[in-house]
Amino acid sequence: MGMWLIPALIAITIISVISFVSTLRIAKMTTERKSEKDTPISETVEEYATMLNPIVWVYAIFLLFLGIVIFYYWSQAGY
């Protein structure tokens, strides 16, 4: 087992949980829709459209993970 296995599993788990919860919310909103036409976009989505995007979360988690790895290597080098 390499040193990347545990951090990769943690990152995959976090991304999977966020994606699963988002999917359940969307499915619930779809089943509760009252008409066949689209409902208006909520104010929360309009204000925070970027923050609710799963791709943004993936990049944020990747950058956090990358920062941890860089810090680890830096601390092991003894600078």
PDB file of N, CA and C in Angstrom:
ATOM      1  N   MET A   1       0.835  -1.185   0.000  1.00  0.00           N
ATOM      2  CA  MET A   1       0.000   0.000   0.000  1.00  0.00           C
ATOM      3  C   MET A   1       0.877   1.244   0.000  1.00  0.00           C
ATOM      4  N   GLY A   2       0.613   2.121  -0.934  1.00  0.00           N
ATOM      5  CA  GLY A   2       1.380   3.351  -1.017  1.00  0.00           C
ATOM      6  C   GLY A   2       0.837   4.400  -0.063  1.00  0.00           C
ATOM      7  N   MET A   3       1.558   5.495   0.023  1.00  0.00           N
ATOM      8  CA  MET A   3       1.132   6.562   0.926  1.00  0.00           C
ATOM      9  C   MET A   3      -0.086   7.313   0.390  1.00  0.00           C
ATOM     10  N   TRP A   4      -0.431   7.106  -0.866  1.00  0.00           N
ATOM     11  CA  TRP A   4      -1.555   7.818  -1.473  1.00  0.00           C
ATOM     12  C   TRP A   4      -2.889   7.114  -1.264  1.00  0.00           C
ATOM     13  N   LEU A   5      -2.890   5.880  -0.822  1.00  0.00           N
ATOM     14  CA  LEU A   5      -4.123   5.116  -0.730  1.00  0.00           C
ATOM     15  C   LEU A   5      -5.105   5.716   0.274  1.00  0.00           C
ATOM     16  N   ILE A   6      -4.682   5.945   1.488  1.00  0.00           N
ATOM     17  CA  ILE A   6      -5.590   6.462   2.522  1.00  0.00           C
ATOM     18  C   ILE A   6      -6.095   7.866   2.180  1.00  0.00           C
ATOM     19  N   PRO A   7      -5.219   8.824   1.790  1.00  0.00           N
ATOM     20  CA  PRO A   7      -5.744  10.146   1.415  1.00  0.00           C
ATOM     21  C   PRO A   7      -6.690  10.091   0.214  1.00  0.00           C
ATOM     22  N   ALA A   8      -6.390   9.225  -0.758  1.00  0.00           N
ATOM     23  CA  ALA A   8      -7.272   9.100  -1.922  1.00  0.00           C
ATOM     24  C   ALA A   8      -8.631   8.538  -1.514  1.00  0.00           C
ATOM     25  N   LEU A   9      -8.645   7.549  -0.623  1.00  0.00           N
ATOM     26  CA  LEU A   9      -9.911   6.991  -0.143  1.00  0.00           C
ATOM     27  C   LEU A   9     -10.721   8.030   0.634  1.00  0.00           C
ATOM     28  N   ILE A  10     -10.049   8.843   1.425  1.00  0.00           N
ATOM     29  CA  ILE A  10     -10.748   9.902   2.169  1.00  0.00           C
ATOM     30  C   ILE A  10     -11.355  10.909   1.203  1.00  0.00           C
ATOM     31  N   ALA A  11     -10.581  11.332   0.199  1.00  0.00           N
ATOM     32  CA  ALA A  11     -11.095  12.294  -0.779  1.00  0.00           C
ATOM     33  C   ALA A  11     -12.266  11.709  -1.569  1.00  0.00           C
ATOM     34  N   ILE A  12     -12.165  10.461  -1.968  1.00  0.00           N
ATOM     35  CA  ILE A  12     -13.252   9.813  -2.704  1.00  0.00           C
ATOM     36  C   ILE A  12     -14.505   9.721  -1.842  1.00  0.00           C
ATOM     37  N   THR A  13     -14.340   9.399  -0.568  1.00  0.00           N
ATOM     38  CA  THR A  13     -15.483   9.299   0.339  1.00  0.00           C
ATOM     39  C   THR A  13     -16.165  10.646   0.511  1.00  0.00           C
ATOM     40  N   ILE A  14     -15.391  11.709   0.712  1.00  0.00           N
ATOM     41  CA  ILE A  14     -15.969  13.047   0.879  1.00  0.00           C
ATOM     42  C   ILE A  14     -16.733  13.466  -0.367  1.00  0.00           C
ATOM     43  N   ILE A  15     -16.132  13.278  -1.529  1.00  0.00           N
ATOM     44  CA  ILE A  15     -16.789  13.656  -2.786  1.00  0.00           C
ATOM     45  C   ILE A  15     -18.051  12.829  -3.000  1.00  0.00           C
ATOM     46  N   SER A  16     -18.000  11.541  -2.692  1.00  0.00           N
ATOM     47  CA  SER A  16     -19.169  10.679  -2.873  1.00  0.00           C
ATOM     48  C   SER A  16     -20.313  11.078  -1.950  1.00  0.00           C
ATOM     49  N   VAL A  17     -20.005  11.398  -0.708  1.00  0.00           N
ATOM     50  CA  VAL A  17     -21.052  11.802   0.236  1.00  0.00           C
ATOM     51  C   VAL A  17     -21.699  13.108  -0.209  1.00  0.00           C
ATOM     52  N   ILE A  18     -20.893  14.089  -0.597  1.00  0.00           N
ATOM     53  CA  ILE A  18     -21.448  15.372  -1.057  1.00  0.00           C
ATOM     54  C   ILE A  18     -22.317  15.160  -2.289  1.00  0.00           C
ATOM     55  N   SER A  19     -21.848  14.360  -3.231  1.00  0.00           N
ATOM     56  CA  SER A  19     -22.624  14.097  -4.450  1.00  0.00           C
ATOM     57  C   SER A  19     -23.918  13.354  -4.146  1.00  0.00           C
ATOM     58  N   PHE A  20     -23.870  12.381  -3.245  1.00  0.00           N
ATOM     59  CA  PHE A  20     -25.059  11.612  -2.897  1.00  0.00           C
ATOM     60  C   PHE A  20     -26.113  12.489  -2.232  1.00  0.00           C
ATOM     61  N   VAL A  21     -25.693  13.333  -1.307  1.00  0.00           N
ATOM     62  CA  VAL A  21     -26.638  14.224  -0.625  1.00  0.00           C
ATOM     63  C   VAL A  21     -27.240  15.208  -1.620  1.00  0.00           C
ATOM     64  N   SER A  22     -26.426  15.750  -2.521  1.00  0.00           N
ATOM     65  CA  SER A  22     -26.946  16.671  -3.540  1.00  0.00           C
ATOM     66  C   SER A  22     -27.955  15.977  -4.442  1.00  0.00           C
ATOM     67  N   THR A  23     -27.667  14.748  -4.829  1.00  0.00           N
ATOM     68  CA  THR A  23     -28.582  14.000  -5.685  1.00  0.00           C
ATOM     69  C   THR A  23     -29.905  13.734  -4.974  1.00  0.00           C
ATOM     70  N   LEU A  24     -29.847  13.373  -3.702  1.00  0.00           N
ATOM     71  CA  LEU A  24     -31.086  13.149  -2.954  1.00  0.00           C
ATOM     72  C   LEU A  24     -31.919  14.425  -2.841  1.00  0.00           C
ATOM     73  N   ARG A  25     -31.289  15.558  -2.625  1.00  0.00           N
ATOM     74  CA  ARG A  25     -32.027  16.830  -2.562  1.00  0.00           C
ATOM     75  C   ARG A  25     -32.721  17.140  -3.882  1.00  0.00           C
ATOM     76  N   ILE A  26     -31.989  16.946  -4.983  1.00  0.00           N
ATOM     77  CA  ILE A  26     -32.572  17.223  -6.298  1.00  0.00           C
ATOM     78  C   ILE A  26     -33.714  16.263  -6.588  1.00  0.00           C
ATOM     79  N   ALA A  27     -33.551  14.994  -6.243  1.00  0.00           N
ATOM     80  CA  ALA A  27     -34.618  14.021  -6.470  1.00  0.00           C
ATOM     81  C   ALA A  27     -35.851  14.367  -5.652  1.00  0.00           C
ATOM     82  N   LYS A  28     -35.658  14.814  -4.430  1.00  0.00           N
ATOM     83  CA  LYS A  28     -36.793  15.188  -3.595  1.00  0.00           C
ATOM     84  C   LYS A  28     -37.512  16.402  -4.172  1.00  0.00           C
ATOM     85  N   MET A  29     -36.756  17.387  -4.652  1.00  0.00           N
ATOM     86  CA  MET A  29     -37.382  18.567  -5.250  1.00  0.00           C
ATOM     87  C   MET A  29     -38.144  18.196  -6.521  1.00  0.00           C
ATOM     88  N   THR A  30     -37.628  17.248  -7.285  1.00  0.00           N
ATOM     89  CA  THR A  30     -38.283  16.838  -8.526  1.00  0.00           C
ATOM     90  C   THR A  30     -39.601  16.119  -8.238  1.00  0.00           C
ATOM     91  N   THR A  31     -39.631  15.270  -7.221  1.00  0.00           N
ATOM     92  CA  THR A  31     -40.867  14.548  -6.913  1.00  0.00           C
ATOM     93  C   THR A  31     -41.906  15.454  -6.275  1.00  0.00           C
ATOM     94  N   GLU A  32     -41.489  16.518  -5.633  1.00  0.00           N
ATOM     95  CA  GLU A  32     -42.435  17.423  -4.992  1.00  0.00           C
ATOM     96  C   GLU A  32     -42.916  18.539  -5.916  1.00  0.00           C
ATOM     97  N   ARG A  33     -42.452  18.555  -7.157  1.00  0.00           N
ATOM     98  CA  ARG A  33     -42.858  19.599  -8.081  1.00  0.00           C
ATOM     99  C   ARG A  33     -44.357  19.485  -8.355  1.00  0.00           C
ATOM    100  N   LYS A  34     -45.041  20.613  -8.395  1.00  0.00           N
ATOM    101  CA  LYS A  34     -46.496  20.605  -8.513  1.00  0.00           C
ATOM    102  C   LYS A  34     -46.981  20.663  -9.955  1.00  0.00           C
ATOM    103  N   SER A  35     -46.176  21.169 -10.864  1.00  0.00           N
ATOM    104  CA  SER A  35     -46.605  21.244 -12.253  1.00  0.00           C
ATOM    105  C   SER A  35     -45.514  20.678 -13.157  1.00  0.00           C
ATOM    106  N   GLU A  36     -45.844  20.520 -14.418  1.00  0.00           N
ATOM    107  CA  GLU A  36     -44.867  19.980 -15.355  1.00  0.00           C
ATOM    108  C   GLU A  36     -43.872  21.026 -15.800  1.00  0.00           C
ATOM    109  N   LYS A  37     -44.222  22.298 -15.622  1.00  0.00           N
ATOM    110  CA  LYS A  37     -43.309  23.369 -16.006  1.00  0.00           C
ATOM    111  C   LYS A  37     -42.256  23.546 -14.927  1.00  0.00           C
ATOM    112  N   ASP A  38     -41.142  24.105 -15.321  1.00  0.00           N
ATOM    113  CA  ASP A  38     -40.075  24.346 -14.362  1.00  0.00           C
ATOM    114  C   ASP A  38     -40.518  25.351 -13.306  1.00  0.00           C
ATOM    115  N   THR A  39     -40.085  25.100 -12.104  1.00  0.00           N
ATOM    116  CA  THR A  39     -40.359  26.039 -11.021  1.00  0.00           C
ATOM    117  C   THR A  39     -39.302  27.135 -11.054  1.00  0.00           C
ATOM    118  N   PRO A  40     -39.608  28.282 -10.494  1.00  0.00           N
ATOM    119  CA  PRO A  40     -38.611  29.351 -10.497  1.00  0.00           C
ATOM    120  C   PRO A  40     -37.375  28.971  -9.668  1.00  0.00           C
ATOM    121  N   ILE A  41     -36.252  29.535 -10.037  1.00  0.00           N
ATOM    122  CA  ILE A  41     -35.005  29.257  -9.322  1.00  0.00           C
ATOM    123  C   ILE A  41     -35.046  29.968  -7.982  1.00  0.00           C
ATOM    124  N   SER A  42     -34.679  29.250  -6.933  1.00  0.00           N
ATOM    125  CA  SER A  42     -34.716  29.845  -5.604  1.00  0.00           C
ATOM    126  C   SER A  42     -33.645  30.918  -5.476  1.00  0.00           C
ATOM    127  N   GLU A  43     -33.862  31.833  -4.532  1.00  0.00           N
ATOM    128  CA  GLU A  43     -32.922  32.930  -4.331  1.00  0.00           C
ATOM    129  C   GLU A  43     -31.561  32.412  -3.859  1.00  0.00           C
ATOM    130  N   THR A  44     -31.565  31.334  -3.077  1.00  0.00           N
ATOM    131  CA  THR A  44     -30.300  30.777  -2.590  1.00  0.00           C
ATOM    132  C   THR A  44     -29.440  30.299  -3.749  1.00  0.00           C
ATOM    133  N   VAL A  45     -30.036  29.620  -4.711  1.00  0.00           N
ATOM    134  CA  VAL A  45     -29.285  29.118  -5.860  1.00  0.00           C
ATOM    135  C   VAL A  45     -28.801  30.283  -6.712  1.00  0.00           C
ATOM    136  N   GLU A  46     -29.630  31.319  -6.871  1.00  0.00           N
ATOM    137  CA  GLU A  46     -29.211  32.471  -7.652  1.00  0.00           C
ATOM    138  C   GLU A  46     -28.028  33.180  -7.007  1.00  0.00           C
ATOM    139  N   GLU A  47     -28.033  33.302  -5.678  1.00  0.00           N
ATOM    140  CA  GLU A  47     -26.966  34.014  -4.980  1.00  0.00           C
ATOM    141  C   GLU A  47     -25.692  33.181  -4.871  1.00  0.00           C
ATOM    142  N   TYR A  48     -25.826  31.877  -4.665  1.00  0.00           N
ATOM    143  CA  TYR A  48     -24.673  31.020  -4.420  1.00  0.00           C
ATOM    144  C   TYR A  48     -24.550  29.923  -5.469  1.00  0.00           C
ATOM    145  N   ALA A  49     -24.781  30.251  -6.720  1.00  0.00           N
ATOM    146  CA  ALA A  49     -24.755  29.244  -7.782  1.00  0.00           C
ATOM    147  C   ALA A  49     -23.391  28.564  -7.887  1.00  0.00           C
ATOM    148  N   THR A  50     -22.324  29.303  -7.719  1.00  0.00           N
ATOM    149  CA  THR A  50     -20.993  28.721  -7.826  1.00  0.00           C
ATOM    150  C   THR A  50     -20.703  27.791  -6.662  1.00  0.00           C
ATOM    151  N   MET A  51     -21.086  28.173  -5.455  1.00  0.00           N
ATOM    152  CA  MET A  51     -20.778  27.364  -4.279  1.00  0.00           C
ATOM    153  C   MET A  51     -21.593  26.071  -4.238  1.00  0.00           C
ATOM    154  N   LEU A  52     -22.723  26.015  -4.907  1.00  0.00           N
ATOM    155  CA  LEU A  52     -23.541  24.811  -4.903  1.00  0.00           C
ATOM    156  C   LEU A  52     -23.181  23.857  -6.046  1.00  0.00           C
ATOM    157  N   ASN A  53     -22.202  24.220  -6.841  1.00  0.00           N
ATOM    158  CA  ASN A  53     -21.777  23.395  -7.964  1.00  0.00           C
ATOM    159  C   ASN A  53     -20.816  22.309  -7.465  1.00  0.00           C
ATOM    160  N   PRO A  54     -21.122  21.033  -7.711  1.00  0.00           N
ATOM    161  CA  PRO A  54     -20.252  19.955  -7.221  1.00  0.00           C
ATOM    162  C   PRO A  54     -18.838  20.000  -7.787  1.00  0.00           C
ATOM    163  N   ILE A  55     -18.665  20.519  -8.992  1.00  0.00           N
ATOM    164  CA  ILE A  55     -17.328  20.599  -9.580  1.00  0.00           C
ATOM    165  C   ILE A  55     -16.450  21.543  -8.757  1.00  0.00           C
ATOM    166  N   VAL A  56     -17.039  22.630  -8.255  1.00  0.00           N
ATOM    167  CA  VAL A  56     -16.286  23.560  -7.416  1.00  0.00           C
ATOM    168  C   VAL A  56     -15.837  22.851  -6.142  1.00  0.00           C
ATOM    169  N   TRP A  57     -16.706  22.028  -5.571  1.00  0.00           N
ATOM    170  CA  TRP A  57     -16.343  21.277  -4.362  1.00  0.00           C
ATOM    171  C   TRP A  57     -15.202  20.306  -4.641  1.00  0.00           C
ATOM    172  N   VAL A  58     -15.219  19.656  -5.822  1.00  0.00           N
ATOM    173  CA  VAL A  58     -14.151  18.724  -6.167  1.00  0.00           C
ATOM    174  C   VAL A  58     -12.817  19.462  -6.263  1.00  0.00           C
ATOM    175  N   TYR A  59     -12.825  20.640  -6.915  1.00  0.00           N
ATOM    176  CA  TYR A  59     -11.584  21.411  -7.001  1.00  0.00           C
ATOM    177  C   TYR A  59     -11.121  21.869  -5.619  1.00  0.00           C
ATOM    178  N   ALA A  60     -12.026  22.284  -4.765  1.00  0.00           N
ATOM    179  CA  ALA A  60     -11.655  22.735  -3.424  1.00  0.00           C
ATOM    180  C   ALA A  60     -11.034  21.591  -2.616  1.00  0.00           C
ATOM    181  N   ILE A  61     -11.632  20.417  -2.694  1.00  0.00           N
ATOM    182  CA  ILE A  61     -11.091  19.268  -1.966  1.00  0.00           C
ATOM    183  C   ILE A  61      -9.733  18.867  -2.535  1.00  0.00           C
ATOM    184  N   PHE A  62      -9.600  18.919  -3.862  1.00  0.00           N
ATOM    185  CA  PHE A  62      -8.314  18.603  -4.486  1.00  0.00           C
ATOM    186  C   PHE A  62      -7.229  19.567  -4.027  1.00  0.00           C
ATOM    187  N   LEU A  63      -7.539  20.865  -4.014  1.00  0.00           N
ATOM    188  CA  LEU A  63      -6.537  21.845  -3.600  1.00  0.00           C
ATOM    189  C   LEU A  63      -6.168  21.676  -2.127  1.00  0.00           C
ATOM    190  N   LEU A  64      -7.140  21.361  -1.292  1.00  0.00           N
ATOM    191  CA  LEU A  64      -6.851  21.096   0.112  1.00  0.00           C
ATOM    192  C   LEU A  64      -5.935  19.875   0.246  1.00  0.00           C
ATOM    193  N   PHE A  65      -6.264  18.819  -0.467  1.00  0.00           N
ATOM    194  CA  PHE A  65      -5.464  17.604  -0.450  1.00  0.00           C
ATOM    195  C   PHE A  65      -4.055  17.881  -0.955  1.00  0.00           C
ATOM    196  N   LEU A  66      -3.936  18.636  -2.023  1.00  0.00           N
ATOM    197  CA  LEU A  66      -2.631  18.982  -2.574  1.00  0.00           C
ATOM    198  C   LEU A  66      -1.820  19.807  -1.580  1.00  0.00           C
ATOM    199  N   GLY A  67      -2.460  20.737  -0.892  1.00  0.00           N
ATOM    200  CA  GLY A  67      -1.771  21.528   0.119  1.00  0.00           C
ATOM    201  C   GLY A  67      -1.253  20.674   1.258  1.00  0.00           C
ATOM    202  N   ILE A  68      -2.047  19.694   1.670  1.00  0.00           N
ATOM    203  CA  ILE A  68      -1.611  18.792   2.739  1.00  0.00           C
ATOM    204  C   ILE A  68      -0.400  17.981   2.290  1.00  0.00           C
ATOM    205  N   VAL A  69      -0.421  17.483   1.069  1.00  0.00           N
ATOM    206  CA  VAL A  69       0.703  16.692   0.555  1.00  0.00           C
ATOM    207  C   VAL A  69       1.960  17.552   0.437  1.00  0.00           C
ATOM    208  N   ILE A  70       1.818  18.780  -0.063  1.00  0.00           N
ATOM    209  CA  ILE A  70       2.970  19.677  -0.174  1.00  0.00           C
ATOM    210  C   ILE A  70       3.533  19.989   1.206  1.00  0.00           C
ATOM    211  N   PHE A  71       2.659  20.268   2.163  1.00  0.00           N
ATOM    212  CA  PHE A  71       3.112  20.542   3.521  1.00  0.00           C
ATOM    213  C   PHE A  71       3.812  19.326   4.115  1.00  0.00           C
ATOM    214  N   TYR A  72       3.312  18.143   3.844  1.00  0.00           N
ATOM    215  CA  TYR A  72       3.930  16.913   4.343  1.00  0.00           C
ATOM    216  C   TYR A  72       5.353  16.763   3.798  1.00  0.00           C
ATOM    217  N   TYR A  73       5.494  16.930   2.470  1.00  0.00           N
ATOM    218  CA  TYR A  73       6.818  16.816   1.883  1.00  0.00           C
ATOM    219  C   TYR A  73       7.756  17.894   2.396  1.00  0.00           C
ATOM    220  N   TRP A  74       7.257  19.103   2.554  1.00  0.00           N
ATOM    221  CA  TRP A  74       8.061  20.197   3.070  1.00  0.00           C
ATOM    222  C   TRP A  74       8.527  19.910   4.496  1.00  0.00           C
ATOM    223  N   SER A  75       7.634  19.374   5.332  1.00  0.00           N
ATOM    224  CA  SER A  75       8.005  19.085   6.720  1.00  0.00           C
ATOM    225  C   SER A  75       8.989  17.919   6.801  1.00  0.00           C
ATOM    226  N   GLN A  76       8.916  16.973   5.875  1.00  0.00           N
ATOM    227  CA  GLN A  76       9.841  15.842   5.871  1.00  0.00           C
ATOM    228  C   GLN A  76      11.228  16.238   5.363  1.00  0.00           C
ATOM    229  N   ALA A  77      11.294  17.266   4.530  1.00  0.00           N
ATOM    230  CA  ALA A  77      12.578  17.711   3.971  1.00  0.00           C
ATOM    231  C   ALA A  77      13.402  18.452   5.015  1.00  0.00           C
ATOM    232  N   GLY A  78      12.755  19.032   6.023  1.00  0.00           N
ATOM    233  CA  GLY A  78      13.457  19.687   7.111  1.00  0.00           C
ATOM    234  C   GLY A  78      13.925  21.095   6.814  1.00  0.00           C
ATOM    235  N   TYR A  79      13.236  21.771   5.922  1.00  0.00           N
ATOM    236  CA  TYR A  79      13.627  23.152   5.630  1.00  0.00           C
ATOM    237  C   TYR A  79      13.191  24.018   6.739  1.00  0.00           C
TER     238      TYR A  79
END
